C-alpha atoms as a PDB file:
ATOM      1  CA  MET A   1      13.869  10.033  -0.315  1.00  0.00           C
ATOM      2  CA  MET A   2      10.898  10.807  -2.587  1.00  0.00           C
ATOM      3  CA  ILE A   3       8.560   8.441  -3.818  1.00  0.00           C
ATOM      4  CA  THR A   4       9.641   7.597  -7.466  1.00  0.00           C
ATOM      5  CA  LYS A   5       6.653   5.159  -8.814  1.00  0.00           C
ATOM      6  CA  ILE A   6       3.773   3.146  -7.448  1.00  0.00           C
ATOM      7  CA  VAL A   7       2.019   0.269  -9.117  1.00  0.00           C
ATOM      8  CA  ILE A   8      -1.464  -0.727  -7.948  1.00  0.00           C
ATOM      9  CA  TRP A   9      -2.501  -4.256  -8.320  1.00  0.00           C
ATOM     10  CA  GLY A  10      -4.603  -7.103  -7.487  1.00  0.00           C
ATOM     11  CA  LEU A  11      -8.032  -4.941  -7.619  1.00  0.00           C
ATOM     12  CA  ASP A  12      -9.559  -8.300  -8.808  1.00  0.00           C
ATOM     13  CA  GLU A  13      -8.260 -10.542  -6.414  1.00  0.00           C
ATOM     14  CA  THR A  14      -9.302  -8.373  -3.291  1.00  0.00           C
ATOM     15  CA  LYS A  15     -11.876  -9.554  -0.413  1.00  0.00           C
ATOM     16  CA  GLY A  16     -13.050  -7.825   2.552  1.00  0.00           C
ATOM     17  CA  PRO A  17     -11.378  -4.747   3.587  1.00  0.00           C
ATOM     18  CA  LEU A  18      -8.487  -5.422   1.331  1.00  0.00           C
ATOM     19  CA  LEU A  19      -8.937  -2.803  -1.788  1.00  0.00           C
ATOM     20  CA  CYS A  20      -5.550  -3.276  -3.761  1.00  0.00           C
ATOM     21  CA  TYR A  21      -1.951  -4.308  -3.345  1.00  0.00           C
ATOM     22  CA  ALA A  22       0.849  -1.472  -4.343  1.00  0.00           C
ATOM     23  CA  ASP A  23       4.599  -1.894  -4.969  1.00  0.00           C
ATOM     24  CA  ILE A  24       6.531   1.365  -3.704  1.00  0.00           C
ATOM     25  CA  THR A  25       9.826   2.589  -5.379  1.00  0.00           C
ATOM     26  CA  LEU A  26      11.668   5.133  -3.499  1.00  0.00           C
ATOM     27  CA  GLY A  27      14.222   7.208  -5.011  1.00  0.00           C
ATOM     28  CA  HIS A  28      14.495   4.903  -8.263  1.00  0.00           C
ATOM     29  CA  CYS A  29      16.699   2.626  -5.962  1.00  0.00           C
ATOM     30  CA  PHE A  30      14.650   0.495  -3.195  1.00  0.00           C
ATOM     31  CA  ILE A  31      11.326  -0.911  -3.791  1.00  0.00           C
ATOM     32  CA  VAL A  32       8.720  -1.946  -1.003  1.00  0.00           C
ATOM     33  CA  LYS A  33       6.361  -4.902  -2.677  1.00  0.00           C
ATOM     34  CA  ARG A  34       3.076  -6.066  -1.485  1.00  0.00           C
ATOM     35  CA  VAL A  35       1.980  -2.648   0.504  1.00  0.00           C
ATOM     36  CA  ARG A  36      -2.013  -3.491   1.269  1.00  0.00           C
ATOM     37  CA  LEU A  37      -4.660  -0.639   0.890  1.00  0.00           C
ATOM     38  CA  LEU A  38      -7.311  -1.550   3.399  1.00  0.00           C
ATOM     39  CA  LEU A  39     -10.857  -0.050   3.935  1.00  0.00           C
ATOM     40  CA  LYS A  40     -11.714  -0.192   7.792  1.00  0.00           C
ATOM     41  CA  ASN A  41     -14.711   1.847   9.071  1.00  0.00           C
ATOM     42  CA  ASP A  42     -14.866   3.680   5.864  1.00  0.00           C
ATOM     43  CA  LYS A  43     -11.525   5.074   6.377  1.00  0.00           C
ATOM     44  CA  HIS A  44      -8.335   4.089   4.116  1.00  0.00           C
ATOM     45  CA  PHE A  45      -5.391   2.482   5.813  1.00  0.00           C
ATOM     46  CA  VAL A  46      -2.118   1.548   4.119  1.00  0.00           C
ATOM     47  CA  ALA A  47      -0.531  -1.487   5.699  1.00  0.00           C
ATOM     48  CA  ILE A  48       3.389  -1.990   5.333  1.00  0.00           C
ATOM     49  CA  PRO A  49       4.703  -5.539   4.655  1.00  0.00           C
ATOM     50  CA  ASN A  50       5.319  -7.793   7.922  1.00  0.00           C
ATOM     51  CA  ARG A  51       5.953 -10.915   9.132  1.00  0.00           C
ATOM     52  CA  MET A  52       4.805 -13.124  11.849  1.00  0.00           C
ATOM     53  CA  VAL A  53       7.703 -14.189  14.566  1.00  0.00           C
ATOM     54  CA  LYS A  54       7.790 -17.249  16.785  1.00  0.00           C
ATOM     55  CA  ASP A  55       5.740 -15.688  19.520  1.00  0.00           C
ATOM     56  CA  GLY A  56       2.854 -15.032  17.148  1.00  0.00           C
ATOM     57  CA  SER A  57       3.242 -11.351  16.878  1.00  0.00           C
ATOM     58  CA  ARG A  58       3.842  -9.460  13.642  1.00  0.00           C
ATOM     59  CA  LEU A  59       7.063  -7.322  13.056  1.00  0.00           C
ATOM     60  CA  ASP A  60       7.029  -4.667   9.848  1.00  0.00           C
ATOM     61  CA  CYS A  61       9.439  -5.529   7.396  1.00  0.00           C
ATOM     62  CA  CYS A  62      10.260  -1.715   6.729  1.00  0.00           C
ATOM     63  CA  HIS A  63       8.484   0.962   7.646  1.00  0.00           C
ATOM     64  CA  PRO A  64       8.606   4.853   7.363  1.00  0.00           C
ATOM     65  CA  LEU A  65      10.349   6.730  10.203  1.00  0.00           C
ATOM     66  CA  THR A  66       8.434  10.020  10.106  1.00  0.00           C
ATOM     67  CA  LYS A  67       4.512  10.992   9.771  1.00  0.00           C
ATOM     68  CA  THR A  68       5.337  13.079   6.922  1.00  0.00           C
ATOM     69  CA  MET A  69       6.555  10.072   4.747  1.00  0.00           C
ATOM     70  CA  ARG A  70       3.697   7.861   6.052  1.00  0.00           C
ATOM     71  CA  LYS A  71       1.175  10.512   4.891  1.00  0.00           C
ATOM     72  CA  GLU A  72       2.771  10.972   1.852  1.00  0.00           C
ATOM     73  CA  ILE A  73       2.795   7.290   1.074  1.00  0.00           C
ATOM     74  CA  GLU A  74      -0.846   7.059   2.154  1.00  0.00           C
ATOM     75  CA  GLU A  75      -1.786   9.968  -0.100  1.00  0.00           C
ATOM     76  CA  GLN A  76       0.045   8.563  -2.994  1.00  0.00           C
ATOM     77  CA  VAL A  77      -1.357   4.921  -2.733  1.00  0.00           C
ATOM     78  CA  ILE A  78      -4.641   6.241  -2.530  1.00  0.00           C
ATOM     79  CA  GLU A  79      -4.584   8.499  -5.265  1.00  0.00           C
ATOM     80  CA  LYS A  80      -2.803   5.690  -7.633  1.00  0.00           C
ATOM     81  CA  TYR A  81      -5.800   3.596  -6.286  1.00  0.00           C
ATOM     82  CA  GLU A  82      -8.748   5.737  -7.340  1.00  0.00           C
ATOM     83  CA  GLN A  83      -6.884   6.382 -10.641  1.00  0.00           C
ATOM     84  CA  ALA A  84      -6.928   2.804 -11.127  1.00  0.00           C
ATOM     85  CA  ILE A  85     -10.551   1.550 -10.303  1.00  0.00           C
ATOM     86  CA  ASN A  86     -11.659   4.889 -12.386  1.00  0.00           C
ATOM     87  CA  LYS A  87      -9.520   3.232 -15.651  1.00  0.00           C
ATOM     88  CA  LYS A  88     -10.953  -0.210 -14.736  1.00  0.00           C
ATOM     89  CA  PRO A  89     -12.994  -1.672 -17.540  1.00  0.00           C
ATOM     90  CA  ILE A  90     -16.352  -2.056 -16.857  1.00  0.00           C
ATOM     91  CA  LYS A  91     -16.917  -6.041 -17.396  1.00  0.00           C
END
């Protein structure tokens, strides 16, 4: 399934390693909200939404099944983030 839209948001709300949030639409028919873009050890990392279960561990709500899809998501989220910060008005 192709990524058909990525919306970057929360640029002004981020703290620590969190750079932004992204909402990703797949094939014009499925959306994944609150994907996080993090910067850890000078490397970008895309964190898929997850939830905490009773034993304290975390489970992904959804996730890519292939390395190819994960790479495509990472590359496109990073690209959209870089476009967004370059458009951001200077205060």
